[in-house]
C-alpha atoms as a PDB file:
ATOM      1  CA  MET A   1     -25.918   2.000  17.671  1.00  0.00           C
ATOM      2  CA  ALA A   2     -22.412   0.975  16.954  1.00  0.00           C
ATOM      3  CA  ALA A   3     -19.190   0.756  18.951  1.00  0.00           C
ATOM      4  CA  LEU A   4     -15.540   0.326  17.881  1.00  0.00           C
ATOM      5  CA  LEU A   5     -12.982  -1.028  20.317  1.00  0.00           C
ATOM      6  CA  LYS A   6      -9.248  -0.806  19.629  1.00  0.00           C
ATOM      7  CA  LEU A   7      -7.697  -3.350  21.896  1.00  0.00           C
ATOM      8  CA  GLU A   8      -4.491  -2.508  23.732  1.00  0.00           C
ATOM      9  CA  GLU A   9      -3.345  -6.129  23.341  1.00  0.00           C
ATOM     10  CA  PRO A  10      -4.455  -8.352  20.376  1.00  0.00           C
ATOM     11  CA  VAL A  11      -6.635 -11.354  21.289  1.00  0.00           C
ATOM     12  CA  ASP A  12      -6.377 -14.678  19.613  1.00  0.00           C
ATOM     13  CA  PHE A  13      -9.880 -15.726  18.633  1.00  0.00           C
ATOM     14  CA  ALA A  14      -8.598 -18.553  16.340  1.00  0.00           C
ATOM     15  CA  ALA A  15      -9.570 -16.501  13.284  1.00  0.00           C
ATOM     16  CA  ALA A  16      -9.515 -18.116   9.808  1.00  0.00           C
ATOM     17  CA  ASP A  17      -6.504 -15.960   8.826  1.00  0.00           C
ATOM     18  CA  GLY A  18      -4.636 -16.934  11.966  1.00  0.00           C
ATOM     19  CA  LEU A  19      -4.103 -13.256  12.978  1.00  0.00           C
ATOM     20  CA  PRO A  20      -5.027 -11.959  16.474  1.00  0.00           C
ATOM     21  CA  VAL A  21      -7.968  -9.512  16.690  1.00  0.00           C
ATOM     22  CA  GLU A  22      -7.082  -5.878  17.250  1.00  0.00           C
ATOM     23  CA  LEU A  23     -10.306  -4.106  16.329  1.00  0.00           C
ATOM     24  CA  VAL A  24     -13.750  -5.142  17.620  1.00  0.00           C
ATOM     25  CA  PHE A  25     -16.970  -3.705  16.193  1.00  0.00           C
ATOM     26  CA  GLY A  26     -20.231  -3.980  18.028  1.00  0.00           C
ATOM     27  CA  LEU A  27     -23.611  -3.272  16.431  1.00  0.00           C
ATOM     28  CA  LEU A  28     -26.955  -3.070  18.190  1.00  0.00           C
ATOM     29  CA  SER A  29     -30.149  -2.854  16.163  1.00  0.00           C
ATOM     30  CA  PRO A  30     -33.854  -3.078  17.008  1.00  0.00           C
ATOM     31  CA  GLU A  31     -35.661  -6.361  16.463  1.00  0.00           C
ATOM     32  CA  ASN A  32     -37.714  -4.844  13.610  1.00  0.00           C
ATOM     33  CA  ALA A  33     -34.659  -3.401  11.762  1.00  0.00           C
ATOM     34  CA  GLY A  34     -35.124  -5.933   8.961  1.00  0.00           C
ATOM     35  CA  VAL A  35     -32.010  -6.107   6.822  1.00  0.00           C
ATOM     36  CA  THR A  36     -30.652  -2.772   7.913  1.00  0.00           C
ATOM     37  CA  HIS A  37     -28.203  -4.356  10.313  1.00  0.00           C
ATOM     38  CA  LEU A  38     -26.945  -6.636   7.505  1.00  0.00           C
ATOM     39  CA  HIS A  39     -26.206  -3.550   5.381  1.00  0.00           C
ATOM     40  CA  ALA A  40     -24.388  -1.968   8.331  1.00  0.00           C
ATOM     41  CA  LEU A  41     -22.288  -5.161   8.880  1.00  0.00           C
ATOM     42  CA  ALA A  42     -21.476  -5.226   5.173  1.00  0.00           C
ATOM     43  CA  ALA A  43     -20.302  -1.603   5.292  1.00  0.00           C
ATOM     44  CA  ILE A  44     -18.103  -2.319   8.317  1.00  0.00           C
ATOM     45  CA  SER A  45     -16.620  -5.348   6.549  1.00  0.00           C
ATOM     46  CA  ARG A  46     -15.842  -3.217   3.488  1.00  0.00           C
ATOM     47  CA  LEU A  47     -14.136  -0.609   5.701  1.00  0.00           C
ATOM     48  CA  VAL A  48     -11.819  -2.981   7.465  1.00  0.00           C
ATOM     49  CA  ARG A  49     -10.973  -4.983   4.330  1.00  0.00           C
ATOM     50  CA  ASP A  50      -9.593  -1.798   2.785  1.00  0.00           C
ATOM     51  CA  GLU A  51      -5.906  -1.883   3.735  1.00  0.00           C
ATOM     52  CA  ARG A  52      -5.465   1.916   3.962  1.00  0.00           C
ATOM     53  CA  THR A  53      -8.526   2.287   6.190  1.00  0.00           C
ATOM     54  CA  HIS A  54      -7.429  -0.590   8.406  1.00  0.00           C
ATOM     55  CA  GLU A  55      -3.966   0.859   8.773  1.00  0.00           C
ATOM     56  CA  ALA A  56      -5.404   4.322   9.573  1.00  0.00           C
ATOM     57  CA  LEU A  57      -7.701   2.816  12.206  1.00  0.00           C
ATOM     58  CA  MET A  58      -4.815   0.977  13.805  1.00  0.00           C
ATOM     59  CA  GLU A  59      -2.625   4.173  13.848  1.00  0.00           C
ATOM     60  CA  ALA A  60      -5.338   6.488  15.136  1.00  0.00           C
ATOM     61  CA  GLY A  61      -4.360   8.313  18.295  1.00  0.00           C
ATOM     62  CA  GLY A  62      -7.674   8.330  20.154  1.00  0.00           C
ATOM     63  CA  GLU A  63     -11.441   8.241  19.974  1.00  0.00           C
ATOM     64  CA  GLU A  64     -11.835  11.519  18.099  1.00  0.00           C
ATOM     65  CA  ALA A  65      -9.319  10.376  15.451  1.00  0.00           C
ATOM     66  CA  LEU A  66     -11.124   7.088  15.164  1.00  0.00           C
ATOM     67  CA  TYR A  67     -14.520   8.782  14.852  1.00  0.00           C
ATOM     68  CA  ALA A  68     -13.198  11.138  12.135  1.00  0.00           C
ATOM     69  CA  LEU A  69     -11.680   8.278  10.147  1.00  0.00           C
ATOM     70  CA  LEU A  70     -14.996   6.248  10.364  1.00  0.00           C
ATOM     71  CA  ALA A  71     -17.072   9.299   9.470  1.00  0.00           C
ATOM     72  CA  ASN A  72     -14.895  10.039   6.432  1.00  0.00           C
ATOM     73  CA  ALA A  73     -14.794   6.422   5.354  1.00  0.00           C
ATOM     74  CA  THR A  74     -18.572   6.026   5.628  1.00  0.00           C
ATOM     75  CA  ASP A  75     -19.176   9.270   3.706  1.00  0.00           C
ATOM     76  CA  ARG A  76     -16.790   8.017   0.978  1.00  0.00           C
ATOM     77  CA  ASP A  77     -18.549   4.555   0.984  1.00  0.00           C
ATOM     78  CA  ALA A  78     -21.974   6.203   0.576  1.00  0.00           C
ATOM     79  CA  ALA A  79     -20.872   8.226  -2.422  1.00  0.00           C
END
């Protein structure tokens, strides 16, 4: 199970790049998931490192738009 939160106000978590956090991803996986959760984290990392995807996520108008962006991006990543 995964969750994406788009914060109304950025939060300073003292990130290495010095930028405040605007998107928060949460990932829950069963104890016996093995490395599956690591693959999911890697996929999320690739998504948000892509400047176009990051911009689109930040400009998305609501949860349906966010879901569509993530679904399209993960389909593209799997190809």
